[in-house]
Amino acid sequence: MQKDPQITSQVKEILNIIKELSPGGLVELRIPPYAAIQCVAGGNHKRGTPPNTVEMSGQVLIKLINDPSSWHHLCAQGDIAASGINSDLSELFVIAASKYAQS
């Protein structure tokens, strides 16, 4: 899959906001093929598949940051794969969206 430079730039900006707002290693947030980060305080993942993962496309990430209230809908329709008891990042995206809008 070829990376779109415009999406790459937006994904990196959004993930930097997420890391700044919620540093930590409890949840792995994956945006293939663009990037993956660890975020959310409260634990540290070292090896293998982490117990709390969230995965979505770059396009869905951009859609979500512009409409954070769509988290549960996007999960329900399979656009966001969230597993683990700490994988609900809906509130984090509400906060991140306001910061993203200011940038």
PDB file of N, CA and C in Angstrom:
ATOM      1  N   MET A   1       0.835  -1.183   0.000  1.00  0.00           N
ATOM      2  CA  MET A   1       0.000   0.000   0.000  1.00  0.00           C
ATOM      3  C   MET A   1       0.878   1.244   0.000  1.00  0.00           C
ATOM      4  N   GLN A   2       0.613   2.137  -0.909  1.00  0.00           N
ATOM      5  CA  GLN A   2       1.403   3.351  -1.017  1.00  0.00           C
ATOM      6  C   GLN A   2       0.854   4.420  -0.069  1.00  0.00           C
ATOM      7  N   LYS A   3       1.760   5.148   0.555  1.00  0.00           N
ATOM      8  CA  LYS A   3       1.361   6.177   1.503  1.00  0.00           C
ATOM      9  C   LYS A   3       1.058   7.478   0.769  1.00  0.00           C
ATOM     10  N   ASP A   4      -0.051   8.087   1.115  1.00  0.00           N
ATOM     11  CA  ASP A   4      -0.431   9.400   0.610  1.00  0.00           C
ATOM     12  C   ASP A   4       0.273  10.449   1.477  1.00  0.00           C
ATOM     13  N   PRO A   5       1.106  11.323   0.879  1.00  0.00           N
ATOM     14  CA  PRO A   5       1.865  12.300   1.676  1.00  0.00           C
ATOM     15  C   PRO A   5       0.976  13.234   2.503  1.00  0.00           C
ATOM     16  N   GLN A   6      -0.173  13.600   1.987  1.00  0.00           N
ATOM     17  CA  GLN A   6      -1.069  14.488   2.721  1.00  0.00           C
ATOM     18  C   GLN A   6      -1.649  13.767   3.949  1.00  0.00           C
ATOM     19  N   ILE A   7      -2.048  12.516   3.766  1.00  0.00           N
ATOM     20  CA  ILE A   7      -2.567  11.740   4.894  1.00  0.00           C
ATOM     21  C   ILE A   7      -1.454  11.481   5.906  1.00  0.00           C
ATOM     22  N   THR A   8      -0.254  11.185   5.420  1.00  0.00           N
ATOM     23  CA  THR A   8       0.885  10.964   6.316  1.00  0.00           C
ATOM     24  C   THR A   8       1.088  12.158   7.234  1.00  0.00           C
ATOM     25  N   SER A   9       1.054  13.345   6.680  1.00  0.00           N
ATOM     26  CA  SER A   9       1.256  14.569   7.452  1.00  0.00           C
ATOM     27  C   SER A   9       0.168  14.745   8.505  1.00  0.00           C
ATOM     28  N   GLN A  10      -1.079  14.533   8.117  1.00  0.00           N
ATOM     29  CA  GLN A  10      -2.186  14.678   9.056  1.00  0.00           C
ATOM     30  C   GLN A  10      -2.133  13.615  10.148  1.00  0.00           C
ATOM     31  N   VAL A  11      -1.835  12.379   9.784  1.00  0.00           N
ATOM     32  CA  VAL A  11      -1.735  11.297  10.762  1.00  0.00           C
ATOM     33  C   VAL A  11      -0.658  11.620  11.792  1.00  0.00           C
ATOM     34  N   LYS A  12       0.505  12.058  11.347  1.00  0.00           N
ATOM     35  CA  LYS A  12       1.591  12.381  12.279  1.00  0.00           C
ATOM     36  C   LYS A  12       1.196  13.513  13.222  1.00  0.00           C
ATOM     37  N   GLU A  13       0.524  14.536  12.675  1.00  0.00           N
ATOM     38  CA  GLU A  13       0.086  15.654  13.513  1.00  0.00           C
ATOM     39  C   GLU A  13      -0.914  15.185  14.572  1.00  0.00           C
ATOM     40  N   ILE A  14      -1.879  14.380  14.166  1.00  0.00           N
ATOM     41  CA  ILE A  14      -2.893  13.874  15.097  1.00  0.00           C
ATOM     42  C   ILE A  14      -2.257  12.988  16.160  1.00  0.00           C
ATOM     43  N   LEU A  15      -1.372  12.079  15.750  1.00  0.00           N
ATOM     44  CA  LEU A  15      -0.734  11.181  16.718  1.00  0.00           C
ATOM     45  C   LEU A  15       0.159  11.938  17.688  1.00  0.00           C
ATOM     46  N   ASN A  16       0.800  13.003  17.228  1.00  0.00           N
ATOM     47  CA  ASN A  16       1.601  13.827  18.141  1.00  0.00           C
ATOM     48  C   ASN A  16       0.723  14.475  19.202  1.00  0.00           C
ATOM     49  N   ILE A  17      -0.463  14.924  18.804  1.00  0.00           N
ATOM     50  CA  ILE A  17      -1.410  15.500  19.772  1.00  0.00           C
ATOM     51  C   ILE A  17      -1.838  14.436  20.779  1.00  0.00           C
ATOM     52  N   ILE A  18      -2.160  13.239  20.289  1.00  0.00           N
ATOM     53  CA  ILE A  18      -2.570  12.140  21.176  1.00  0.00           C
ATOM     54  C   ILE A  18      -1.462  11.823  22.179  1.00  0.00           C
ATOM     55  N   LYS A  19      -0.229  11.708  21.705  1.00  0.00           N
ATOM     56  CA  LYS A  19       0.903  11.399  22.606  1.00  0.00           C
ATOM     57  C   LYS A  19       1.098  12.504  23.636  1.00  0.00           C
ATOM     58  N   GLU A  20       0.938  13.746  23.212  1.00  0.00           N
ATOM     59  CA  GLU A  20       1.113  14.878  24.127  1.00  0.00           C
ATOM     60  C   GLU A  20       0.028  14.888  25.207  1.00  0.00           C
ATOM     61  N   LEU A  21      -1.208  14.625  24.801  1.00  0.00           N
ATOM     62  CA  LEU A  21      -2.328  14.644  25.742  1.00  0.00           C
ATOM     63  C   LEU A  21      -2.368  13.422  26.654  1.00  0.00           C
ATOM     64  N   SER A  22      -1.904  12.302  26.158  1.00  0.00           N
ATOM     65  CA  SER A  22      -2.022  11.055  26.919  1.00  0.00           C
ATOM     66  C   SER A  22      -0.778  10.183  26.761  1.00  0.00           C
ATOM     67  N   PRO A  23       0.342  10.640  27.339  1.00  0.00           N
ATOM     68  CA  PRO A  23       1.559   9.830  27.231  1.00  0.00           C
ATOM     69  C   PRO A  23       1.425   8.541  28.032  1.00  0.00           C
ATOM     70  N   GLY A  24       2.115   7.536  27.599  1.00  0.00           N
ATOM     71  CA  GLY A  24       2.101   6.263  28.309  1.00  0.00           C
ATOM     72  C   GLY A  24       2.213   5.101  27.357  1.00  0.00           C
ATOM     73  N   GLY A  25       2.044   3.917  27.885  1.00  0.00           N
ATOM     74  CA  GLY A  25       2.208   2.717  27.081  1.00  0.00           C
ATOM     75  C   GLY A  25       1.111   1.691  27.276  1.00  0.00           C
ATOM     76  N   LEU A  26      -0.061   2.119  27.769  1.00  0.00           N
ATOM     77  CA  LEU A  26      -1.132   1.174  28.052  1.00  0.00           C
ATOM     78  C   LEU A  26      -1.872   0.717  26.791  1.00  0.00           C
ATOM     79  N   VAL A  27      -1.968   1.597  25.801  1.00  0.00           N
ATOM     80  CA  VAL A  27      -2.710   1.300  24.571  1.00  0.00           C
ATOM     81  C   VAL A  27      -1.802   1.530  23.365  1.00  0.00           C
ATOM     82  N   GLU A  28      -1.854   0.605  22.424  1.00  0.00           N
ATOM     83  CA  GLU A  28      -1.148   0.816  21.164  1.00  0.00           C
ATOM     84  C   GLU A  28      -2.175   1.271  20.132  1.00  0.00           C
ATOM     85  N   LEU A  29      -1.929   2.439  19.544  1.00  0.00           N
ATOM     86  CA  LEU A  29      -2.797   3.016  18.530  1.00  0.00           C
ATOM     87  C   LEU A  29      -2.100   2.848  17.188  1.00  0.00           C
ATOM     88  N   ARG A  30      -2.713   2.047  16.314  1.00  0.00           N
ATOM     89  CA  ARG A  30      -2.098   1.691  15.030  1.00  0.00           C
ATOM     90  C   ARG A  30      -2.875   2.322  13.878  1.00  0.00           C
ATOM     91  N   ILE A  31      -2.129   2.971  12.986  1.00  0.00           N
ATOM     92  CA  ILE A  31      -2.702   3.563  11.783  1.00  0.00           C
ATOM     93  C   ILE A  31      -1.875   3.048  10.592  1.00  0.00           C
ATOM     94  N   PRO A  32      -2.092   1.797  10.190  1.00  0.00           N
ATOM     95  CA  PRO A  32      -1.286   1.245   9.102  1.00  0.00           C
ATOM     96  C   PRO A  32      -1.666   1.871   7.754  1.00  0.00           C
ATOM     97  N   PRO A  33      -0.725   2.079   6.876  1.00  0.00           N
ATOM     98  CA  PRO A  33       0.712   1.837   6.977  1.00  0.00           C
ATOM     99  C   PRO A  33       1.486   3.055   7.474  1.00  0.00           C
ATOM    100  N   TYR A  34       0.797   4.002   8.105  1.00  0.00           N
ATOM    101  CA  TYR A  34       1.403   5.285   8.435  1.00  0.00           C
ATOM    102  C   TYR A  34       2.231   5.305   9.707  1.00  0.00           C
ATOM    103  N   ALA A  35       1.682   4.811  10.801  1.00  0.00           N
ATOM    104  CA  ALA A  35       2.395   4.902  12.073  1.00  0.00           C
ATOM    105  C   ALA A  35       1.673   4.098  13.146  1.00  0.00           C
ATOM    106  N   ALA A  36       2.354   3.926  14.252  1.00  0.00           N
ATOM    107  CA  ALA A  36       1.769   3.334  15.456  1.00  0.00           C
ATOM    108  C   ALA A  36       2.435   4.007  16.648  1.00  0.00           C
ATOM    109  N   ILE A  37       1.643   4.272  17.678  1.00  0.00           N
ATOM    110  CA  ILE A  37       2.185   4.866  18.899  1.00  0.00           C
ATOM    111  C   ILE A  37       1.637   4.108  20.097  1.00  0.00           C
ATOM    112  N   GLN A  38       2.295   4.302  21.211  1.00  0.00           N
ATOM    113  CA  GLN A  38       1.751   3.851  22.481  1.00  0.00           C
ATOM    114  C   GLN A  38       1.314   5.093  23.237  1.00  0.00           C
ATOM    115  N   CYS A  39       0.164   4.992  23.875  1.00  0.00           N
ATOM    116  CA  CYS A  39      -0.388   6.123  24.602  1.00  0.00           C
ATOM    117  C   CYS A  39      -1.167   5.617  25.807  1.00  0.00           C
ATOM    118  N   VAL A  40      -1.653   6.497  26.605  1.00  0.00           N
ATOM    119  CA  VAL A  40      -2.460   6.265  27.801  1.00  0.00           C
ATOM    120  C   VAL A  40      -1.585   5.749  28.956  1.00  0.00           C
ATOM    121  N   ALA A  41      -1.567   6.518  30.002  1.00  0.00           N
ATOM    122  CA  ALA A  41      -0.794   6.159  31.193  1.00  0.00           C
ATOM    123  C   ALA A  41      -1.450   4.994  31.925  1.00  0.00           C
ATOM    124  N   GLY A  42      -0.640   4.271  32.677  1.00  0.00           N
ATOM    125  CA  GLY A  42      -1.193   3.224  33.520  1.00  0.00           C
ATOM    126  C   GLY A  42      -0.599   1.855  33.302  1.00  0.00           C
ATOM    127  N   GLY A  43       0.274   1.713  32.377  1.00  0.00           N
ATOM    128  CA  GLY A  43       0.902   0.421  32.133  1.00  0.00           C
ATOM    129  C   GLY A  43       1.964   0.569  31.076  1.00  0.00           C
ATOM    130  N   ASN A  44       2.721  -0.460  30.903  1.00  0.00           N
ATOM    131  CA  ASN A  44       3.772  -0.427  29.892  1.00  0.00           C
ATOM    132  C   ASN A  44       3.818  -1.748  29.168  1.00  0.00           C
ATOM    133  N   HIS A  45       3.745  -1.665  27.864  1.00  0.00           N
ATOM    134  CA  HIS A  45       3.808  -2.860  27.038  1.00  0.00           C
ATOM    135  C   HIS A  45       5.230  -2.992  26.500  1.00  0.00           C
ATOM    136  N   LYS A  46       5.806  -4.183  26.597  1.00  0.00           N
ATOM    137  CA  LYS A  46       7.201  -4.374  26.176  1.00  0.00           C
ATOM    138  C   LYS A  46       7.349  -5.254  24.937  1.00  0.00           C
ATOM    139  N   ARG A  47       6.650  -6.388  24.863  1.00  0.00           N
ATOM    140  CA  ARG A  47       6.877  -7.346  23.773  1.00  0.00           C
ATOM    141  C   ARG A  47       5.573  -7.986  23.336  1.00  0.00           C
ATOM    142  N   GLY A  48       5.550  -8.395  22.071  1.00  0.00           N
ATOM    143  CA  GLY A  48       4.379  -9.094  21.563  1.00  0.00           C
ATOM    144  C   GLY A  48       3.202  -8.165  21.331  1.00  0.00           C
ATOM    145  N   THR A  49       2.039  -8.747  21.136  1.00  0.00           N
ATOM    146  CA  THR A  49       0.836  -7.960  20.913  1.00  0.00           C
ATOM    147  C   THR A  49       0.358  -7.391  22.239  1.00  0.00           C
ATOM    148  N   PRO A  50       0.181  -6.082  22.313  1.00  0.00           N
ATOM    149  CA  PRO A  50      -0.267  -5.487  23.569  1.00  0.00           C
ATOM    150  C   PRO A  50      -1.718  -5.864  23.871  1.00  0.00           C
ATOM    151  N   PRO A  51      -2.100  -5.875  25.146  1.00  0.00           N
ATOM    152  CA  PRO A  51      -3.458  -6.265  25.503  1.00  0.00           C
ATOM    153  C   PRO A  51      -4.522  -5.237  25.098  1.00  0.00           C
ATOM    154  N   ASN A  52      -4.131  -3.999  24.886  1.00  0.00           N
ATOM    155  CA  ASN A  52      -5.059  -2.938  24.506  1.00  0.00           C
ATOM    156  C   ASN A  52      -4.598  -2.329  23.188  1.00  0.00           C
ATOM    157  N   THR A  53      -5.340  -2.585  22.130  1.00  0.00           N
ATOM    158  CA  THR A  53      -4.962  -2.056  20.822  1.00  0.00           C
ATOM    159  C   THR A  53      -6.155  -1.373  20.158  1.00  0.00           C
ATOM    160  N   VAL A  54      -5.832  -0.352  19.396  1.00  0.00           N
ATOM    161  CA  VAL A  54      -6.819   0.348  18.584  1.00  0.00           C
ATOM    162  C   VAL A  54      -6.197   0.488  17.206  1.00  0.00           C
ATOM    163  N   GLU A  55      -6.948   0.081  16.187  1.00  0.00           N
ATOM    164  CA  GLU A  55      -6.429   0.164  14.820  1.00  0.00           C
ATOM    165  C   GLU A  55      -7.498   0.741  13.900  1.00  0.00           C
ATOM    166  N   MET A  56      -7.033   1.645  13.035  1.00  0.00           N
ATOM    167  CA  MET A  56      -7.923   2.253  12.039  1.00  0.00           C
ATOM    168  C   MET A  56      -7.078   2.770  10.889  1.00  0.00           C
ATOM    169  N   SER A  57      -7.713   3.061   9.778  1.00  0.00           N
ATOM    170  CA  SER A  57      -6.999   3.622   8.632  1.00  0.00           C
ATOM    171  C   SER A  57      -6.714   5.106   8.873  1.00  0.00           C
ATOM    172  N   GLY A  58      -5.833   5.648   8.061  1.00  0.00           N
ATOM    173  CA  GLY A  58      -5.536   7.073   8.141  1.00  0.00           C
ATOM    174  C   GLY A  58      -6.770   7.915   7.855  1.00  0.00           C
ATOM    175  N   GLN A  59      -7.575   7.490   6.899  1.00  0.00           N
ATOM    176  CA  GLN A  59      -8.787   8.225   6.548  1.00  0.00           C
ATOM    177  C   GLN A  59      -9.776   8.239   7.718  1.00  0.00           C
ATOM    178  N   VAL A  60      -9.901   7.121   8.417  1.00  0.00           N
ATOM    179  CA  VAL A  60     -10.816   7.045   9.563  1.00  0.00           C
ATOM    180  C   VAL A  60     -10.289   7.918  10.699  1.00  0.00           C
ATOM    181  N   LEU A  61      -8.986   7.928  10.917  1.00  0.00           N
ATOM    182  CA  LEU A  61      -8.392   8.779  11.954  1.00  0.00           C
ATOM    183  C   LEU A  61      -8.723  10.243  11.686  1.00  0.00           C
ATOM    184  N   ILE A  62      -8.592  10.659  10.445  1.00  0.00           N
ATOM    185  CA  ILE A  62      -8.881  12.052  10.076  1.00  0.00           C
ATOM    186  C   ILE A  62     -10.375  12.342  10.254  1.00  0.00           C
ATOM    187  N   LYS A  63     -11.213  11.410   9.865  1.00  0.00           N
ATOM    188  CA  LYS A  63     -12.654  11.564  10.057  1.00  0.00           C
ATOM    189  C   LYS A  63     -12.975  11.684  11.549  1.00  0.00           C
ATOM    190  N   LEU A  64     -12.351  10.850  12.354  1.00  0.00           N
ATOM    191  CA  LEU A  64     -12.599  10.830  13.798  1.00  0.00           C
ATOM    192  C   LEU A  64     -12.157  12.123  14.467  1.00  0.00           C
ATOM    193  N   ILE A  65     -11.017  12.658  14.089  1.00  0.00           N
ATOM    194  CA  ILE A  65     -10.533  13.885  14.736  1.00  0.00           C
ATOM    195  C   ILE A  65     -11.426  15.072  14.383  1.00  0.00           C
ATOM    196  N   ASN A  66     -12.090  14.984  13.246  1.00  0.00           N
ATOM    197  CA  ASN A  66     -13.010  16.048  12.844  1.00  0.00           C
ATOM    198  C   ASN A  66     -14.424  15.842  13.386  1.00  0.00           C
ATOM    199  N   ASP A  67     -14.741  14.632  13.828  1.00  0.00           N
ATOM    200  CA  ASP A  67     -16.043  14.308  14.411  1.00  0.00           C
ATOM    201  C   ASP A  67     -15.852  13.250  15.499  1.00  0.00           C
ATOM    202  N   PRO A  68     -15.280  13.663  16.647  1.00  0.00           N
ATOM    203  CA  PRO A  68     -14.961  12.673  17.683  1.00  0.00           C
ATOM    204  C   PRO A  68     -16.180  11.964  18.262  1.00  0.00           C
ATOM    205  N   SER A  69     -17.361  12.528  18.090  1.00  0.00           N
ATOM    206  CA  SER A  69     -18.561  11.859  18.591  1.00  0.00           C
ATOM    207  C   SER A  69     -18.898  10.605  17.787  1.00  0.00           C
ATOM    208  N   SER A  70     -18.201  10.393  16.666  1.00  0.00           N
ATOM    209  CA  SER A  70     -18.464   9.224  15.815  1.00  0.00           C
ATOM    210  C   SER A  70     -17.709   7.968  16.262  1.00  0.00           C
ATOM    211  N   TRP A  71     -16.951   8.031  17.348  1.00  0.00           N
ATOM    212  CA  TRP A  71     -16.142   6.893  17.815  1.00  0.00           C
ATOM    213  C   TRP A  71     -16.951   5.596  17.869  1.00  0.00           C
ATOM    214  N   HIS A  72     -18.051   5.601  18.608  1.00  0.00           N
ATOM    215  CA  HIS A  72     -18.817   4.367  18.821  1.00  0.00           C
ATOM    216  C   HIS A  72     -19.439   3.874  17.514  1.00  0.00           C
ATOM    217  N   HIS A  73     -19.896   4.785  16.676  1.00  0.00           N
ATOM    218  CA  HIS A  73     -20.451   4.405  15.372  1.00  0.00           C
ATOM    219  C   HIS A  73     -19.369   3.758  14.500  1.00  0.00           C
ATOM    220  N   LEU A  74     -18.175   4.360  14.474  1.00  0.00           N
ATOM    221  CA  LEU A  74     -17.077   3.820  13.666  1.00  0.00           C
ATOM    222  C   LEU A  74     -16.632   2.455  14.186  1.00  0.00           C
ATOM    223  N   CYS A  75     -16.661   2.273  15.493  1.00  0.00           N
ATOM    224  CA  CYS A  75     -16.347   0.951  16.069  1.00  0.00           C
ATOM    225  C   CYS A  75     -17.405  -0.065  15.662  1.00  0.00           C
ATOM    226  N   ALA A  76     -18.670   0.327  15.771  1.00  0.00           N
ATOM    227  CA  ALA A  76     -19.772  -0.585  15.474  1.00  0.00           C
ATOM    228  C   ALA A  76     -19.782  -1.044  14.022  1.00  0.00           C
ATOM    229  N   GLN A  77     -19.385  -0.151  13.112  1.00  0.00           N
ATOM    230  CA  GLN A  77     -19.380  -0.543  11.698  1.00  0.00           C
ATOM    231  C   GLN A  77     -18.050  -1.144  11.262  1.00  0.00           C
ATOM    232  N   GLY A  78     -17.117  -1.324  12.196  1.00  0.00           N
ATOM    233  CA  GLY A  78     -15.873  -2.022  11.899  1.00  0.00           C
ATOM    234  C   GLY A  78     -14.758  -1.152  11.345  1.00  0.00           C
ATOM    235  N   ASP A  79     -14.937   0.157  11.335  1.00  0.00           N
ATOM    236  CA  ASP A  79     -13.870   1.045  10.849  1.00  0.00           C
ATOM    237  C   ASP A  79     -12.773   1.232  11.884  1.00  0.00           C
ATOM    238  N   ILE A  80     -13.113   1.019  13.139  1.00  0.00           N
ATOM    239  CA  ILE A  80     -12.139   1.046  14.228  1.00  0.00           C
ATOM    240  C   ILE A  80     -12.190  -0.311  14.907  1.00  0.00           C
ATOM    241  N   ALA A  81     -11.018  -0.947  15.028  1.00  0.00           N
ATOM    242  CA  ALA A  81     -10.896  -2.198  15.775  1.00  0.00           C
ATOM    243  C   ALA A  81     -10.260  -1.847  17.118  1.00  0.00           C
ATOM    244  N   ALA A  82     -11.025  -1.996  18.191  1.00  0.00           N
ATOM    245  CA  ALA A  82     -10.537  -1.672  19.528  1.00  0.00           C
ATOM    246  C   ALA A  82     -10.691  -2.907  20.409  1.00  0.00           C
ATOM    247  N   SER A  83      -9.574  -3.361  20.977  1.00  0.00           N
ATOM    248  CA  SER A  83      -9.635  -4.535  21.842  1.00  0.00           C
ATOM    249  C   SER A  83      -8.899  -4.257  23.146  1.00  0.00           C
ATOM    250  N   GLY A  84      -9.398  -4.840  24.191  1.00  0.00           N
ATOM    251  CA  GLY A  84      -8.812  -4.645  25.515  1.00  0.00           C
ATOM    252  C   GLY A  84      -9.688  -3.725  26.346  1.00  0.00           C
ATOM    253  N   ILE A  85      -9.631  -3.889  27.654  1.00  0.00           N
ATOM    254  CA  ILE A  85     -10.521  -3.135  28.537  1.00  0.00           C
ATOM    255  C   ILE A  85     -10.197  -1.639  28.572  1.00  0.00           C
ATOM    256  N   ASN A  86      -9.023  -1.249  28.135  1.00  0.00           N
ATOM    257  CA  ASN A  86      -8.643   0.164  28.144  1.00  0.00           C
ATOM    258  C   ASN A  86      -8.590   0.770  26.751  1.00  0.00           C
ATOM    259  N   SER A  87      -9.238   0.151  25.792  1.00  0.00           N
ATOM    260  CA  SER A  87      -9.094   0.591  24.396  1.00  0.00           C
ATOM    261  C   SER A  87     -10.126   1.628  23.943  1.00  0.00           C
ATOM    262  N   ASP A  88     -11.017   2.041  24.817  1.00  0.00           N
ATOM    263  CA  ASP A  88     -11.991   3.074  24.452  1.00  0.00           C
ATOM    264  C   ASP A  88     -11.315   4.442  24.564  1.00  0.00           C
ATOM    265  N   LEU A  89     -10.943   4.989  23.425  1.00  0.00           N
ATOM    266  CA  LEU A  89     -10.262   6.285  23.386  1.00  0.00           C
ATOM    267  C   LEU A  89     -11.214   7.416  23.017  1.00  0.00           C
ATOM    268  N   SER A  90     -12.502   7.192  23.137  1.00  0.00           N
ATOM    269  CA  SER A  90     -13.483   8.190  22.699  1.00  0.00           C
ATOM    270  C   SER A  90     -13.304   9.528  23.411  1.00  0.00           C
ATOM    271  N   GLU A  91     -13.108   9.518  24.711  1.00  0.00           N
ATOM    272  CA  GLU A  91     -12.936  10.780  25.448  1.00  0.00           C
ATOM    273  C   GLU A  91     -11.630  11.475  25.070  1.00  0.00           C
ATOM    274  N   LEU A  92     -10.599  10.712  24.858  1.00  0.00           N
ATOM    275  CA  LEU A  92      -9.320  11.277  24.439  1.00  0.00           C
ATOM    276  C   LEU A  92      -9.460  11.989  23.098  1.00  0.00           C
ATOM    277  N   PHE A  93     -10.220  11.399  22.186  1.00  0.00           N
ATOM    278  CA  PHE A  93     -10.401  12.028  20.877  1.00  0.00           C
ATOM    279  C   PHE A  93     -11.232  13.305  20.956  1.00  0.00           C
ATOM    280  N   VAL A  94     -12.145  13.407  21.914  1.00  0.00           N
ATOM    281  CA  VAL A  94     -12.901  14.651  22.103  1.00  0.00           C
ATOM    282  C   VAL A  94     -11.936  15.778  22.469  1.00  0.00           C
ATOM    283  N   ILE A  95     -11.021  15.499  23.385  1.00  0.00           N
ATOM    284  CA  ILE A  95     -10.039  16.505  23.817  1.00  0.00           C
ATOM    285  C   ILE A  95      -9.066  16.799  22.681  1.00  0.00           C
ATOM    286  N   ALA A  96      -8.589  15.756  22.017  1.00  0.00           N
ATOM    287  CA  ALA A  96      -7.623  15.928  20.919  1.00  0.00           C
ATOM    288  C   ALA A  96      -8.234  16.729  19.762  1.00  0.00           C
ATOM    289  N   ALA A  97      -9.527  16.531  19.501  1.00  0.00           N
ATOM    290  CA  ALA A  97     -10.180  17.233  18.407  1.00  0.00           C
ATOM    291  C   ALA A  97     -10.168  18.735  18.627  1.00  0.00           C
ATOM    292  N   SER A  98     -10.385  19.177  19.860  1.00  0.00           N
ATOM    293  CA  SER A  98     -10.377  20.617  20.110  1.00  0.00           C
ATOM    294  C   SER A  98      -8.974  21.184  19.934  1.00  0.00           C
ATOM    295  N   LYS A  99      -7.978  20.432  20.332  1.00  0.00           N
ATOM    296  CA  LYS A  99      -6.591  20.882  20.156  1.00  0.00           C
ATOM    297  C   LYS A  99      -6.205  20.880  18.676  1.00  0.00           C
ATOM    298  N   TYR A 100      -6.657  19.863  17.933  1.00  0.00           N
ATOM    299  CA  TYR A 100      -6.377  19.766  16.498  1.00  0.00           C
ATOM    300  C   TYR A 100      -7.009  20.937  15.753  1.00  0.00           C
ATOM    301  N   ALA A 101      -8.210  21.310  16.146  1.00  0.00           N
ATOM    302  CA  ALA A 101      -8.915  22.420  15.487  1.00  0.00           C
ATOM    303  C   ALA A 101      -8.176  23.737  15.677  1.00  0.00           C
ATOM    304  N   GLN A 102      -7.427  23.844  16.776  1.00  0.00           N
ATOM    305  CA  GLN A 102      -6.684  25.071  17.071  1.00  0.00           C
ATOM    306  C   GLN A 102      -5.356  25.141  16.333  1.00  0.00           C
ATOM    307  N   SER A 103      -4.908  24.009  15.799  1.00  0.00           N
ATOM    308  CA  SER A 103      -3.577  23.978  15.159  1.00  0.00           C
ATOM    309  C   SER A 103      -3.623  24.433  13.718  1.00  0.00           C
TER     310      SER A 103
END
